[in-house]
Amino acid sequence: MELDLSNNDYSVAIEHYLNGKWNEAKGAFEALLERYPKDHFLPLLLGNTMYSLGRLDEAIDFYHDAIKLKPDFGNAYYKLGVCYYRCGRLEEGLDAFTKVLDLRDQSHAMASYFIGLINHLLGSDEAALEGFSNLRKISPGSLIANFYLAQLKMKERKYDEALHLLKELSEVTPNLAEVHYLLGTVQFRLHNNTEAIKSYRKTLELNPEDTRARSVLELLIDV
């Protein structure tokens, strides 16, 4: 028997879920799952509920249950990846997010973000670059990728490319001190000392405790 979404018990469970009544939602969804064990959406909702309760290991189990019932369930793979990431199980998280992208018709922009971030944390710069580049391509309106791409370009000493990314980012995040610090560093590497001084001063205006910016600024001013 298939779950009828107009079922009153389901409506009550969803109401608990949407109102953040996680324990009530858990009990309601578990009761529904006993009656509809083949429904793939119920384990997903139970996984989300367990995630909200901070019970990540149980959430992971439910996401796996959802995937067993629907092997191409991109949303379950994404949620699974987030759980693995939060648990510090980075390689398993990477596998889950990669699966999301493999399911091209269900591609999730944030899966590319996590692929870039995890590879960045693992020191796999080339794979991180690919992940963040994909995010920038999939979601051009979101500039979160710029922050990490700029750092990777700086490691490659591609300062002109990093500068473009950071300038673009600073236009939408003008009060993020770290962006101005990175801008100062790139300008310094490009021998644009006047612009570097401006960026380091802006960094200190936003974050007076940034000793990195203060040290380099003092050096530039003394010169």
Protein backbone atom coordinates (compact mmCIF):
# COMPACT_ATOMS: atom_id res chain seq x y z
CA MET A 1 0.00 0.00 0.00
CA GLU A 2 1.26 3.48 -0.92
CA LEU A 3 1.27 6.38 1.50
CA ASP A 4 -1.61 8.75 0.87
CA LEU A 5 -0.35 12.30 1.43
CA SER A 6 -3.86 13.37 2.37
CA ASN A 7 -3.78 10.85 5.23
CA ASN A 8 -4.62 12.63 8.49
CA ASP A 9 -1.79 10.91 10.37
CA TYR A 10 0.68 12.14 7.77
CA SER A 11 -0.71 15.67 8.01
CA VAL A 12 -0.27 15.61 11.79
CA ALA A 13 3.30 14.28 11.46
CA ILE A 14 4.19 17.01 8.96
CA GLU A 15 2.65 19.65 11.23
CA HIS A 16 4.89 18.49 14.10
CA TYR A 17 7.86 18.49 11.72
CA LEU A 18 7.24 21.98 10.39
CA ASN A 19 6.72 23.34 13.90
CA GLY A 20 10.01 21.88 15.13
CA LYS A 21 8.35 19.43 17.50
CA TRP A 22 10.99 16.84 16.73
CA ASN A 23 10.13 14.15 19.28
CA GLU A 24 6.46 14.23 18.30
CA ALA A 25 7.42 14.15 14.61
CA LYS A 26 9.75 11.21 15.24
CA GLY A 27 6.99 9.12 16.85
CA ALA A 28 4.48 10.02 14.14
CA PHE A 29 6.82 9.23 11.26
CA GLU A 30 7.93 5.95 12.86
CA ALA A 31 4.29 4.88 13.18
CA LEU A 32 3.70 5.74 9.53
CA LEU A 33 6.83 3.87 8.46
CA GLU A 34 5.54 0.71 10.14
CA ARG A 35 2.41 0.97 8.02
CA TYR A 36 4.19 2.04 4.83
CA PRO A 37 7.62 0.35 4.94
CA LYS A 38 8.19 0.81 1.18
CA ASP A 39 7.75 4.58 1.16
CA HIS A 40 11.15 6.19 0.55
CA PHE A 41 10.15 9.67 1.70
CA LEU A 42 9.39 8.65 5.30
CA PRO A 43 12.97 7.54 6.08
CA LEU A 44 14.20 10.84 4.61
CA LEU A 45 11.90 12.78 6.94
CA LEU A 46 12.97 10.61 9.86
CA GLY A 47 16.60 11.26 8.94
CA ASN A 48 15.94 15.00 8.90
CA THR A 49 14.18 14.73 12.25
CA MET A 50 17.06 12.82 13.83
CA TYR A 51 19.48 15.36 12.36
CA SER A 52 17.51 18.15 14.04
CA LEU A 53 17.64 16.23 17.32
CA GLY A 54 21.43 15.98 16.98
CA ARG A 55 21.32 12.19 16.63
CA LEU A 56 23.51 12.03 13.55
CA ASP A 57 24.31 8.31 13.57
CA GLU A 58 20.59 7.49 13.52
CA ALA A 59 20.02 10.10 10.83
CA ILE A 60 22.69 8.42 8.71
CA ASP A 61 20.92 5.05 9.10
CA PHE A 62 17.61 6.51 7.96
CA TYR A 63 19.17 8.19 4.93
CA HIS A 64 20.69 4.85 3.96
CA ASP A 65 17.24 3.27 4.34
CA ALA A 66 15.78 5.91 2.01
CA ILE A 67 18.51 5.25 -0.57
CA LYS A 68 17.90 1.48 -0.41
CA LEU A 69 14.27 2.13 -1.31
CA LYS A 70 15.15 4.70 -3.99
CA PRO A 71 18.76 4.33 -5.24
CA ASP A 72 18.60 7.59 -7.23
CA PHE A 73 17.35 9.66 -4.27
CA GLY A 74 19.61 12.70 -4.64
CA ASN A 75 18.16 14.55 -1.64
CA ALA A 76 18.94 11.61 0.65
CA TYR A 77 22.51 11.42 -0.65
CA TYR A 78 22.94 15.15 -0.02
CA LYS A 79 21.61 14.93 3.54
CA LEU A 80 23.78 11.87 4.11
CA GLY A 81 26.82 13.83 2.98
CA VAL A 82 26.02 16.68 5.39
CA CYS A 83 25.75 14.21 8.27
CA TYR A 84 29.05 12.57 7.39
CA TYR A 85 30.69 16.00 7.14
CA ARG A 86 29.40 17.01 10.56
CA CYS A 87 30.63 13.70 11.99
CA GLY A 88 34.10 14.32 10.55
CA ARG A 89 33.77 11.35 8.21
CA LEU A 90 35.05 13.37 5.30
CA GLU A 91 35.80 10.63 2.78
CA GLU A 92 32.32 9.15 3.19
CA GLY A 93 30.82 12.62 2.91
CA LEU A 94 32.77 13.19 -0.28
CA ASP A 95 31.39 9.96 -1.74
CA ALA A 96 27.82 11.00 -0.90
CA PHE A 97 28.14 14.48 -2.40
CA THR A 98 29.82 13.06 -5.51
CA LYS A 99 26.83 10.74 -5.93
CA VAL A 100 24.52 13.77 -5.90
CA LEU A 101 26.41 15.26 -8.84
CA ASP A 102 26.41 11.91 -10.63
CA LEU A 103 22.60 12.10 -10.56
CA ARG A 104 22.70 14.98 -13.00
CA ASP A 105 18.95 15.54 -13.12
CA GLN A 106 19.01 16.14 -9.34
CA SER A 107 22.18 18.20 -9.15
CA HIS A 108 22.46 20.30 -6.01
CA ALA A 109 24.72 23.37 -6.08
CA MET A 110 25.73 22.96 -2.45
CA ALA A 111 27.00 19.44 -3.17
CA SER A 112 29.70 21.10 -5.29
CA TYR A 113 30.44 23.44 -2.40
CA PHE A 114 30.96 20.56 0.01
CA ILE A 115 33.05 18.66 -2.54
CA GLY A 116 35.29 21.69 -2.85
CA LEU A 117 35.40 22.26 0.92
CA ILE A 118 36.16 18.64 1.84
CA ASN A 119 38.90 18.37 -0.76
CA HIS A 120 40.28 21.69 0.49
CA LEU A 121 40.39 20.28 4.03
CA LEU A 122 42.00 17.08 2.76
CA GLY A 123 44.66 19.06 0.90
CA SER A 124 43.47 17.92 -2.53
CA ASP A 125 43.81 21.30 -4.19
CA GLU A 126 43.08 20.25 -7.77
CA ALA A 127 39.86 18.47 -6.77
CA ALA A 128 38.90 21.40 -4.53
CA LEU A 129 39.42 23.79 -7.42
CA GLU A 130 37.16 21.67 -9.60
CA GLY A 131 34.46 21.53 -6.91
CA PHE A 132 34.38 25.26 -6.30
CA SER A 133 34.56 25.97 -10.04
CA ASN A 134 31.51 23.75 -10.54
CA LEU A 135 29.67 25.63 -7.80
CA ARG A 136 30.50 28.94 -9.46
CA LYS A 137 29.23 27.56 -12.78
CA ILE A 138 26.04 26.03 -11.36
CA SER A 139 25.18 28.98 -9.15
CA PRO A 140 26.79 32.12 -10.59
CA GLY A 141 24.72 34.37 -8.34
CA SER A 142 26.32 32.88 -5.24
CA LEU A 143 29.89 34.02 -4.65
CA ILE A 144 30.72 31.68 -1.78
CA ALA A 145 33.04 29.80 -4.15
CA ASN A 146 35.10 32.93 -4.76
CA PHE A 147 36.55 32.90 -1.26
CA TYR A 148 38.05 29.44 -1.62
CA LEU A 149 38.90 29.73 -5.31
CA ALA A 150 40.89 32.90 -4.60
CA GLN A 151 42.95 31.11 -1.93
CA LEU A 152 43.64 28.22 -4.28
CA LYS A 153 44.66 30.64 -7.05
CA MET A 154 46.97 32.37 -4.56
CA LYS A 155 48.63 29.03 -3.79
CA GLU A 156 49.21 28.63 -7.52
CA ARG A 157 50.55 32.21 -7.62
CA LYS A 158 47.84 33.19 -10.07
CA TYR A 159 47.38 36.52 -8.36
CA ASP A 160 45.54 38.29 -11.18
CA GLU A 161 42.85 35.61 -11.16
CA ALA A 162 42.65 35.74 -7.37
CA LEU A 163 42.32 39.52 -7.49
CA HIS A 164 39.35 39.33 -9.85
CA LEU A 165 37.60 36.78 -7.60
CA LEU A 166 38.20 38.80 -4.44
CA LYS A 167 37.10 42.10 -5.95
CA GLU A 168 33.89 40.45 -7.08
CA LEU A 169 33.37 39.01 -3.60
CA SER A 170 34.15 42.27 -1.80
CA GLU A 171 31.34 43.99 -3.70
CA VAL A 172 28.74 41.75 -2.07
CA THR A 173 30.53 41.25 1.28
CA PRO A 174 32.07 44.68 1.95
CA ASN A 175 32.22 44.09 5.70
CA LEU A 176 34.04 40.76 5.68
CA ALA A 177 37.49 41.55 7.06
CA GLU A 178 39.13 38.38 5.74
CA VAL A 179 38.26 39.28 2.15
CA HIS A 180 40.04 42.63 2.52
CA TYR A 181 43.03 40.90 4.12
CA LEU A 182 43.29 38.55 1.15
CA LEU A 183 42.89 41.49 -1.21
CA GLY A 184 45.77 43.22 0.54
CA THR A 185 47.92 40.11 0.23
CA VAL A 186 47.19 39.76 -3.49
CA GLN A 187 47.83 43.44 -4.15
CA PHE A 188 51.09 43.16 -2.23
CA ARG A 189 52.14 40.16 -4.34
CA LEU A 190 51.31 42.13 -7.48
CA HIS A 191 53.44 45.02 -6.17
CA ASN A 192 50.40 47.28 -5.96
CA ASN A 193 51.49 48.64 -2.59
CA THR A 194 49.12 51.61 -2.50
CA GLU A 195 46.13 49.32 -3.03
CA ALA A 196 47.55 46.81 -0.55
CA ILE A 197 47.76 49.52 2.12
CA LYS A 198 44.11 50.48 1.48
CA SER A 199 43.01 46.85 1.84
CA TYR A 200 44.99 46.26 5.04
CA ARG A 201 43.62 49.48 6.54
CA LYS A 202 40.10 48.33 5.70
CA THR A 203 40.86 44.97 7.32
CA LEU A 204 41.91 46.69 10.53
CA GLU A 205 38.91 49.00 10.41
CA LEU A 206 36.68 45.92 10.40
CA ASN A 207 38.87 43.79 12.68
CA PRO A 208 41.33 45.84 14.80
CA GLU A 209 42.69 42.61 16.33
CA ASP A 210 44.10 41.29 13.04
CA THR A 211 47.82 41.21 13.83
CA ARG A 212 48.66 39.84 10.37
CA ALA A 213 47.28 42.90 8.61
CA ARG A 214 48.83 45.25 11.16
CA SER A 215 52.30 43.75 10.74
CA VAL A 216 52.29 43.95 6.94
CA LEU A 217 50.75 47.41 6.98
CA GLU A 218 53.50 48.69 9.27
CA LEU A 219 56.10 47.18 6.96
CA LEU A 220 54.59 48.83 3.89
CA ILE A 221 54.24 52.21 5.56
CA ASP A 222 57.84 52.10 6.84
CA VAL A 223 59.04 51.36 3.33
